[in-house]
Protein backbone atom coordinates (compact mmCIF):
# COMPACT_ATOMS: atom_id res chain seq x y z
CA MET A 1 0.54 17.33 -18.40
CA LYS A 2 -2.55 16.07 -16.60
CA VAL A 3 -2.40 12.43 -15.46
CA LEU A 4 -5.42 10.36 -14.51
CA VAL A 5 -4.60 7.78 -11.82
CA ILE A 6 -6.84 4.71 -11.69
CA ASN A 7 -7.01 2.16 -8.87
CA ALA A 8 -9.52 -0.51 -9.88
CA GLY A 9 -10.92 -3.19 -7.60
CA SER A 10 -13.25 -6.04 -8.42
CA SER A 11 -16.34 -3.90 -7.73
CA SER A 12 -14.81 -0.47 -7.17
CA LEU A 13 -12.72 2.17 -8.92
CA LYS A 14 -10.87 5.09 -7.34
CA TYR A 15 -9.38 7.94 -9.34
CA GLN A 16 -7.44 11.19 -9.12
CA LEU A 17 -6.66 13.72 -11.84
CA ILE A 18 -3.33 15.41 -11.11
CA ASP A 19 -1.73 18.43 -12.81
CA MET A 20 1.92 17.38 -13.01
CA GLU A 21 3.23 20.94 -13.38
CA THR A 22 2.06 21.75 -9.85
CA GLU A 23 1.37 18.19 -8.60
CA LYS A 24 -2.03 19.49 -7.51
CA VAL A 25 -5.01 17.14 -7.33
CA LEU A 26 -7.62 18.69 -9.60
CA ALA A 27 -10.35 16.12 -9.02
CA LYS A 28 -10.84 12.79 -7.29
CA GLY A 29 -13.51 10.30 -6.42
CA GLY A 30 -14.60 6.72 -6.61
CA CYS A 31 -17.14 4.33 -8.04
CA GLU A 32 -18.69 1.81 -5.66
CA ARG A 33 -20.66 -1.40 -6.21
CA ILE A 34 -19.72 -1.85 -9.88
CA GLY A 35 -21.77 -4.72 -11.25
CA ILE A 36 -23.96 -4.67 -8.13
CA ARG A 37 -27.33 -3.05 -7.52
CA GLY A 38 -27.06 0.36 -5.86
CA SER A 39 -23.86 1.49 -7.59
CA LEU A 40 -22.80 5.11 -7.24
CA LEU A 41 -20.03 7.57 -8.05
CA VAL A 42 -18.78 10.07 -5.49
CA ALA A 43 -16.92 12.82 -7.38
CA LYS A 44 -15.05 15.86 -6.08
CA GLY A 45 -13.87 18.85 -8.11
CA ASN A 46 -13.79 22.65 -7.95
CA GLY A 47 -14.28 22.45 -4.20
CA GLU A 48 -17.57 20.60 -4.53
CA GLU A 49 -18.72 17.02 -4.05
CA ARG A 50 -21.44 15.33 -6.05
CA VAL A 51 -22.97 11.86 -5.79
CA TYR A 52 -24.18 10.15 -8.96
CA LYS A 53 -26.48 7.18 -8.39
CA GLU A 54 -26.10 5.49 -11.74
CA ALA A 55 -26.19 1.87 -12.84
CA MET A 56 -22.66 0.56 -13.47
CA PRO A 57 -22.93 -2.95 -14.90
CA ASN A 58 -19.20 -2.99 -15.71
CA HIS A 59 -15.97 -1.03 -15.42
CA LYS A 60 -16.34 0.51 -18.89
CA ILE A 61 -19.53 2.29 -17.81
CA ALA A 62 -17.81 3.34 -14.58
CA ILE A 63 -14.91 4.88 -16.52
CA GLU A 64 -17.35 6.71 -18.79
CA LEU A 65 -19.13 8.15 -15.76
CA VAL A 66 -15.80 9.29 -14.27
CA LEU A 67 -14.87 11.06 -17.51
CA ASP A 68 -18.32 12.68 -17.63
CA ALA A 69 -17.81 13.95 -14.06
CA LEU A 70 -14.38 15.35 -14.98
CA ARG A 71 -16.09 17.36 -17.77
CA ASP A 72 -19.20 18.24 -15.77
CA ASP A 73 -20.33 21.90 -15.97
CA GLY A 74 -20.36 22.19 -12.19
CA ILE A 75 -17.57 20.05 -10.70
CA GLY A 76 -15.68 19.36 -13.92
CA VAL A 77 -12.05 20.43 -14.25
CA ILE A 78 -11.43 19.74 -17.95
CA LYS A 79 -13.31 20.55 -21.13
CA SER A 80 -12.02 17.71 -23.26
CA MET A 81 -10.50 14.26 -22.73
CA ASP A 82 -7.62 15.48 -24.89
CA GLU A 83 -6.40 17.35 -21.80
CA ILE A 84 -5.57 14.01 -20.15
CA GLY A 85 -2.02 13.23 -21.25
CA ALA A 86 -1.82 9.72 -19.81
CA VAL A 87 -3.48 7.27 -17.45
CA GLY A 88 -1.54 5.52 -14.69
CA HIS A 89 -2.96 2.24 -13.40
CA ARG A 90 -2.09 0.82 -9.99
CA VAL A 91 -1.25 -2.89 -10.21
CA VAL A 92 -0.48 -4.89 -7.05
CA ALA A 93 1.76 -7.71 -8.30
CA SER A 94 4.32 -7.73 -11.12
CA GLY A 95 5.90 -11.12 -10.55
CA GLU A 96 9.31 -11.23 -12.22
CA TYR A 97 7.81 -9.95 -15.47
CA PHE A 98 7.98 -6.23 -14.72
CA LYS A 99 10.68 -4.40 -12.76
CA LYS A 100 9.41 -0.84 -13.28
CA ALA A 101 6.51 1.24 -14.64
CA THR A 102 5.58 -0.05 -18.08
CA LEU A 103 3.80 1.46 -21.09
CA VAL A 104 0.88 -0.76 -22.13
CA THR A 105 1.10 -2.60 -25.45
CA PRO A 106 -0.79 -5.71 -26.64
CA GLU A 107 2.23 -7.81 -25.57
CA VAL A 108 2.31 -6.18 -22.12
CA LEU A 109 -1.39 -6.85 -21.69
CA LYS A 110 -0.84 -10.55 -22.41
CA THR A 111 2.04 -10.69 -19.94
CA LEU A 112 -0.05 -8.95 -17.29
CA GLU A 113 -2.50 -11.85 -17.41
CA LYS A 114 0.30 -14.17 -16.26
CA THR A 115 0.43 -12.30 -12.95
CA PHE A 116 -3.21 -12.99 -12.08
CA GLU A 117 -2.38 -16.06 -9.99
CA LEU A 118 0.00 -13.98 -7.85
CA ALA A 119 -2.75 -11.53 -6.82
CA PRO A 120 -6.09 -13.10 -7.78
CA LEU A 121 -8.15 -10.49 -5.91
CA HIS A 122 -6.32 -7.45 -7.30
CA ASN A 123 -4.60 -7.96 -10.67
CA PRO A 124 -7.61 -9.21 -12.67
CA ALA A 125 -9.56 -6.17 -11.43
CA ALA A 126 -6.71 -3.85 -12.47
CA ALA A 127 -6.71 -5.45 -15.93
CA THR A 128 -10.47 -4.98 -16.18
CA GLY A 129 -10.11 -1.28 -15.36
CA LEU A 130 -7.25 -0.98 -17.83
CA LYS A 131 -9.22 -2.55 -20.67
CA ALA A 132 -12.20 -0.32 -19.89
CA CYS A 133 -9.96 2.77 -20.12
CA MET A 134 -8.45 1.56 -23.39
CA GLU A 135 -11.93 1.20 -24.88
CA VAL A 136 -13.06 4.66 -23.79
CA MET A 137 -9.69 6.42 -24.36
CA PRO A 138 -8.05 4.47 -27.22
CA SER A 139 -5.52 7.18 -28.15
CA THR A 140 -4.35 8.00 -24.59
CA PRO A 141 -1.13 6.32 -23.33
CA MET A 142 -1.73 3.80 -20.56
CA VAL A 143 0.94 3.00 -17.97
CA LEU A 144 1.13 0.20 -15.41
CA VAL A 145 2.70 1.12 -12.05
CA PHE A 146 3.34 -1.83 -9.75
CA ASP A 147 3.23 -1.98 -5.95
CA THR A 148 6.10 -4.46 -6.14
CA SER A 149 8.51 -2.54 -8.39
CA PHE A 150 10.17 -0.55 -5.57
CA HIS A 151 11.17 -3.88 -4.04
CA ALA A 152 12.82 -5.12 -7.24
CA THR A 153 16.18 -3.89 -5.90
CA MET A 154 16.23 -6.52 -3.13
CA PRO A 155 19.23 -8.88 -3.40
CA GLU A 156 18.71 -12.63 -3.82
CA LYS A 157 19.67 -13.30 -0.21
CA ALA A 158 16.72 -11.17 0.89
CA TYR A 159 13.99 -12.29 -1.52
CA LEU A 160 14.64 -16.03 -1.83
CA TYR A 161 12.95 -18.66 0.33
CA GLY A 162 14.74 -21.77 1.56
CA ILE A 163 13.15 -24.01 -1.06
CA ASP A 164 14.78 -25.98 -3.87
CA TYR A 165 16.42 -23.36 -6.08
CA ASN A 166 15.16 -25.15 -9.19
CA ASP A 167 11.59 -24.74 -7.92
CA TYR A 168 12.21 -21.02 -7.52
CA LYS A 169 13.46 -20.82 -11.12
CA GLU A 170 10.55 -22.90 -12.41
CA TYR A 171 7.69 -21.30 -10.48
CA SER A 172 9.10 -17.87 -9.42
CA VAL A 173 8.19 -18.49 -5.79
CA ARG A 174 9.97 -15.73 -3.87
CA LYS A 175 9.36 -12.61 -1.82
CA TYR A 176 7.83 -9.75 -3.85
CA GLY A 177 6.53 -7.38 -1.18
CA ALA A 178 3.77 -4.80 -1.50
CA HIS A 179 2.95 -1.13 -0.81
CA GLY A 180 6.04 -0.19 -2.84
CA THR A 181 4.67 3.15 -4.03
CA SER A 182 3.99 4.14 -0.42
CA HIS A 183 7.43 3.06 0.83
CA LYS A 184 9.08 4.89 -2.06
CA PHE A 185 7.14 8.11 -1.41
CA VAL A 186 7.70 8.36 2.34
CA ALA A 187 11.39 7.43 2.10
CA SER A 188 11.87 10.23 -0.42
CA GLU A 189 9.90 12.70 1.71
CA ALA A 190 11.93 11.75 4.78
CA ALA A 191 15.17 12.53 2.95
CA LYS A 192 13.82 15.94 1.91
CA TYR A 193 12.69 16.70 5.45
CA LEU A 194 16.09 15.77 6.86
CA GLY A 195 17.90 17.82 4.23
CA LYS A 196 19.78 14.78 2.97
CA LYS A 197 20.13 12.87 -0.25
CA PRO A 198 18.43 9.44 -0.24
CA GLU A 199 21.87 7.94 -0.94
CA GLU A 200 23.04 9.20 2.47
CA LEU A 201 20.36 7.53 4.58
CA LYS A 202 19.35 4.20 6.08
CA ILE A 203 15.57 4.28 6.66
CA VAL A 204 12.98 1.82 7.94
CA THR A 205 9.56 2.68 6.53
CA CYS A 206 6.52 1.30 8.36
CA HIS A 207 3.36 1.25 6.23
CA LEU A 208 0.86 0.32 8.92
CA GLY A 209 -2.78 -0.09 7.94
CA ASN A 210 -5.33 -2.85 7.58
CA GLY A 211 -2.57 -4.35 5.45
CA SER A 212 0.88 -3.61 6.88
CA SER A 213 4.45 -3.92 5.64
CA ILE A 214 7.85 -2.71 6.80
CA SER A 215 10.76 -2.01 4.44
CA ALA A 216 14.50 -1.45 4.76
CA VAL A 217 15.53 1.42 2.48
CA ASP A 218 19.31 1.75 2.17
CA CYS A 219 20.69 4.61 0.05
CA GLY A 220 17.26 5.15 -1.54
CA LYS A 221 16.79 1.49 -2.54
CA CYS A 222 14.72 -1.24 -0.94
CA VAL A 223 16.93 -4.04 0.37
CA ASP A 224 14.29 -6.01 2.25
CA THR A 225 10.57 -5.94 3.06
CA SER A 226 8.24 -7.86 5.36
CA MET A 227 5.52 -9.00 2.96
CA GLY A 228 6.35 -12.03 0.87
CA PHE A 229 5.09 -14.04 -2.09
CA THR A 230 1.69 -12.56 -1.24
CA PRO A 231 0.51 -9.81 1.15
CA LEU A 232 -0.25 -12.48 3.77
CA ALA A 233 3.29 -12.50 5.18
CA GLY A 234 4.98 -10.23 7.71
CA VAL A 235 3.33 -8.75 10.81
CA LEU A 236 -0.19 -9.70 11.81
CA MET A 237 -2.67 -7.26 10.28
CA GLY A 238 -6.35 -6.37 10.40
CA THR A 239 -7.58 -9.85 9.47
CA ARG A 240 -4.38 -11.49 8.13
CA SER A 241 -2.28 -13.80 10.27
CA GLY A 242 1.12 -12.59 9.11
CA ASP A 243 4.06 -15.00 9.43
CA ILE A 244 3.12 -18.49 10.66
CA ASP A 245 4.81 -21.88 10.68
CA ALA A 246 3.68 -23.81 7.56
CA SER A 247 3.23 -26.94 9.67
CA ALA A 248 0.85 -25.04 11.97
CA VAL A 249 -1.25 -24.23 8.90
CA GLU A 250 -1.49 -27.91 7.98
CA PHE A 251 -2.24 -28.83 11.60
CA LEU A 252 -5.06 -26.28 11.87
CA ALA A 253 -6.52 -27.35 8.53
CA ARG A 254 -6.78 -30.95 9.74
CA LYS A 255 -8.27 -29.96 13.09
CA LYS A 256 -10.84 -27.63 11.53
CA GLY A 257 -11.58 -29.84 8.54
CA TYR A 258 -10.64 -27.08 6.11
CA SER A 259 -9.59 -27.51 2.50
CA TYR A 260 -6.49 -25.66 1.31
CA SER A 261 -8.53 -22.79 -0.18
CA GLU A 262 -10.64 -22.54 2.99
CA MET A 263 -7.48 -22.37 5.07
CA ILE A 264 -6.05 -19.55 2.97
CA GLU A 265 -9.31 -17.64 3.31
CA TYR A 266 -9.19 -18.24 7.09
CA LEU A 267 -5.63 -16.87 7.33
CA ASN A 268 -6.52 -13.84 5.18
CA LYS A 269 -9.92 -12.92 6.57
CA LYS A 270 -10.45 -14.37 10.05
CA CYS A 271 -7.11 -13.91 11.82
CA GLY A 272 -4.86 -10.94 12.62
CA VAL A 273 -5.88 -8.46 15.30
CA ALA A 274 -9.54 -9.26 14.61
CA GLY A 275 -8.95 -12.88 15.53
CA ILE A 276 -6.78 -12.09 18.55
CA SER A 277 -9.07 -9.41 19.98
CA GLY A 278 -12.38 -11.02 19.07
CA VAL A 279 -13.61 -7.44 18.66
CA SER A 280 -12.60 -5.85 15.38
CA SER A 281 -9.95 -5.37 12.70
CA ASP A 282 -10.29 -1.59 13.15
CA PHE A 283 -7.58 -0.24 15.44
CA ARG A 284 -9.90 2.53 16.63
CA ASP A 285 -12.18 -0.14 18.07
CA LEU A 286 -9.18 -1.86 19.65
CA GLU A 287 -8.13 1.39 21.34
CA LYS A 288 -11.65 1.84 22.70
CA GLY A 289 -11.57 -1.73 23.98
CA MET A 290 -8.16 -1.12 25.59
CA LYS A 291 -9.54 1.92 27.44
CA ARG A 292 -12.42 -0.23 28.71
CA GLY A 293 -9.94 -2.78 30.03
CA ASN A 294 -10.41 -5.45 27.35
CA GLU A 295 -7.25 -7.52 27.75
CA ARG A 296 -7.53 -9.15 24.31
CA CYS A 297 -7.64 -5.72 22.66
CA VAL A 298 -4.48 -4.80 24.55
CA LEU A 299 -2.90 -8.10 23.49
CA ALA A 300 -3.74 -7.51 19.82
CA LEU A 301 -2.26 -3.99 19.88
CA ASP A 302 0.86 -5.16 21.73
CA MET A 303 1.42 -8.09 19.38
CA PHE A 304 1.18 -5.78 16.39
CA ALA A 305 3.62 -3.25 17.86
CA TYR A 306 6.02 -5.97 19.05
CA GLN A 307 6.19 -7.64 15.65
CA THR A 308 6.70 -4.28 13.94
CA LYS A 309 9.50 -3.43 16.38
CA LYS A 310 11.26 -6.71 15.58
CA PHE A 311 11.34 -5.82 11.88
CA VAL A 312 12.74 -2.37 12.69
CA GLY A 313 15.57 -3.93 14.69
CA ALA A 314 16.23 -6.63 12.11
CA TYR A 315 16.42 -4.14 9.28
CA ALA A 316 18.73 -1.83 11.23
CA ALA A 317 21.03 -4.84 11.58
CA ALA A 318 20.68 -5.77 7.91
CA MET A 319 21.60 -2.24 6.79
CA GLY A 320 24.39 -1.86 9.33
CA GLY A 321 22.83 1.21 10.90
CA LEU A 322 19.74 3.39 11.07
CA ASP A 323 19.10 7.09 10.50
CA CYS A 324 15.32 7.32 10.43
CA ILE A 325 12.09 5.45 11.19
CA VAL A 326 8.98 6.48 9.27
CA PHE A 327 5.39 5.71 10.19
CA THR A 328 2.70 6.04 7.52
CA ALA A 329 -0.77 4.82 6.39
CA GLY A 330 -3.94 4.67 8.50
CA ILE A 331 -2.50 3.17 11.67
CA GLY A 332 0.98 4.59 11.30
CA GLU A 333 -0.41 8.11 10.92
CA ASN A 334 -3.22 7.95 13.46
CA THR A 335 -2.41 5.54 16.31
CA PRO A 336 0.02 7.09 18.83
CA TYR A 337 -0.10 4.03 21.11
CA VAL A 338 1.31 1.76 18.42
CA ARG A 339 4.06 4.24 17.48
CA GLU A 340 5.13 4.57 21.12
CA GLU A 341 5.16 0.82 21.70
CA VAL A 342 7.23 0.27 18.54
CA CYS A 343 9.81 2.84 19.59
CA LYS A 344 9.94 1.83 23.25
CA GLY A 345 13.20 -0.01 23.92
CA LEU A 346 14.95 1.24 20.78
CA GLU A 347 17.17 3.63 22.74
CA PHE A 348 20.13 1.33 22.06
CA LEU A 349 19.78 2.21 18.36
CA GLY A 350 19.82 5.93 19.11
CA VAL A 351 16.08 6.60 19.30
CA LYS A 352 15.01 9.30 21.77
CA PHE A 353 11.24 9.30 21.62
CA ASN A 354 9.17 12.45 22.20
CA GLY A 355 5.98 11.30 23.90
CA ARG A 356 4.35 14.73 23.88
CA ALA A 357 4.95 15.25 20.17
CA ASN A 358 3.67 11.74 19.49
CA LYS A 359 0.29 12.55 21.06
CA ALA A 360 -0.24 15.68 18.95
CA LYS A 361 -3.17 15.46 16.56
CA ASN A 362 -2.39 14.43 12.98
CA ASP A 363 -2.66 17.55 10.80
CA GLY A 364 -1.76 15.92 7.49
CA THR A 365 1.83 17.20 7.42
CA ILE A 366 5.20 15.63 8.26
CA HIS A 367 5.42 15.31 12.02
CA GLU A 368 8.63 14.60 13.98
CA ILE A 369 8.10 12.51 17.10
CA SER A 370 11.71 12.12 18.21
CA LYS A 371 13.62 14.55 20.41
CA GLY A 372 15.89 17.15 18.86
CA ASN A 373 19.04 15.33 20.01
CA SER A 374 17.85 11.91 18.83
CA LYS A 375 20.47 10.18 16.67
CA VAL A 376 17.69 8.31 14.85
CA LYS A 377 14.87 10.57 13.70
CA VAL A 378 11.30 9.26 13.96
CA LEU A 379 8.80 10.78 11.53
CA VAL A 380 5.10 10.48 10.77
CA ILE A 381 4.61 11.11 7.05
CA PRO A 382 1.22 10.99 5.27
CA THR A 383 1.58 8.69 2.28
CA ASN A 384 0.58 9.62 -1.27
CA GLU A 385 0.64 6.57 -3.52
CA GLU A 386 -1.39 8.27 -6.24
CA LEU A 387 1.24 10.99 -6.65
CA VAL A 388 3.97 8.36 -7.08
CA ILE A 389 1.88 6.62 -9.75
CA ALA A 390 1.31 9.96 -11.51
CA ARG A 391 5.01 10.86 -11.37
CA GLU A 392 6.12 7.52 -12.81
CA THR A 393 3.44 7.70 -15.49
CA ALA A 394 4.41 11.22 -16.55
CA ALA A 395 8.12 10.39 -16.54
CA LEU A 396 7.60 7.34 -18.73
CA VAL A 397 5.26 9.01 -21.22
């Protein structure tokens, strides 16, 4: 079976076509500036890349262009849309409505709309992409795969907030987490690398990117995660504040004369390492600033590593032990300084860090950065969220 994976944003759409017999990516690409002047499609297939500068007034046209590229005489990898057995759609938030990958029906589509308020920037865009696919491919099964579903195994004591329990029941305000497909993938890959069954391991997975989250994976199941009701919680990130006292939010809003919505935008887009450093949300820029002696860049990097380290220690305590730490995503895979600072001081847990291995260039494979006699293994594992989406889609269909 060939599965088309779709990740739709408000003005973008990324895709991969994966052959599930070999799990090989046959083609991939993305549409940019949908509904905006200057839209284009960058498509890759058969070892070639082609750029289509076409008007894309909506997601339906974008999907049609993607399907045309997949059947293109030059870079195309299929002859007919009938070769696509199913389409898997990435959806950020499931709320308490969906606990696992779900086949799309009219009822499911209606329920999906109830999740829009949980992820207003992401879920409506995913629904738009889904509806566009359904129009263009009406006979092809559509599957929703949620970023939050891997975290559905968290116990109440981990996902509840200290609010009135009746308010939780009424409004479903609780921790949901994010990046679940990434945490699931790297935890599984870590178990394979270590020659163990997931049920035998206690793993902390660190998905560190412009958006970052850390998860406790005990016996193959998520038991806690750092992001909360929204992706704003947890460690500070590229432009997000991470955890902050609610009273400090109210205090800042009064001082700055911000409305509630303006304050949320401030916490999401003007804080994090960008706000601390005053330089950038890009960790490559922070590293350059650090080398030039910019103390605020150093502070931003150290705050990020320190907060990540605290979650590692907390989750080791919550699981009653630790076998492996995994770093993944853009920063986790490509920023040795952060990895070293996170692991520094974790010797009491059984971590013996290998500084030389840590500095080796990322080659896109699993990379061990702990010493051979380290009780707790430390791994760098490239994530592959699209493959998880494709696997769950194929399994369900």
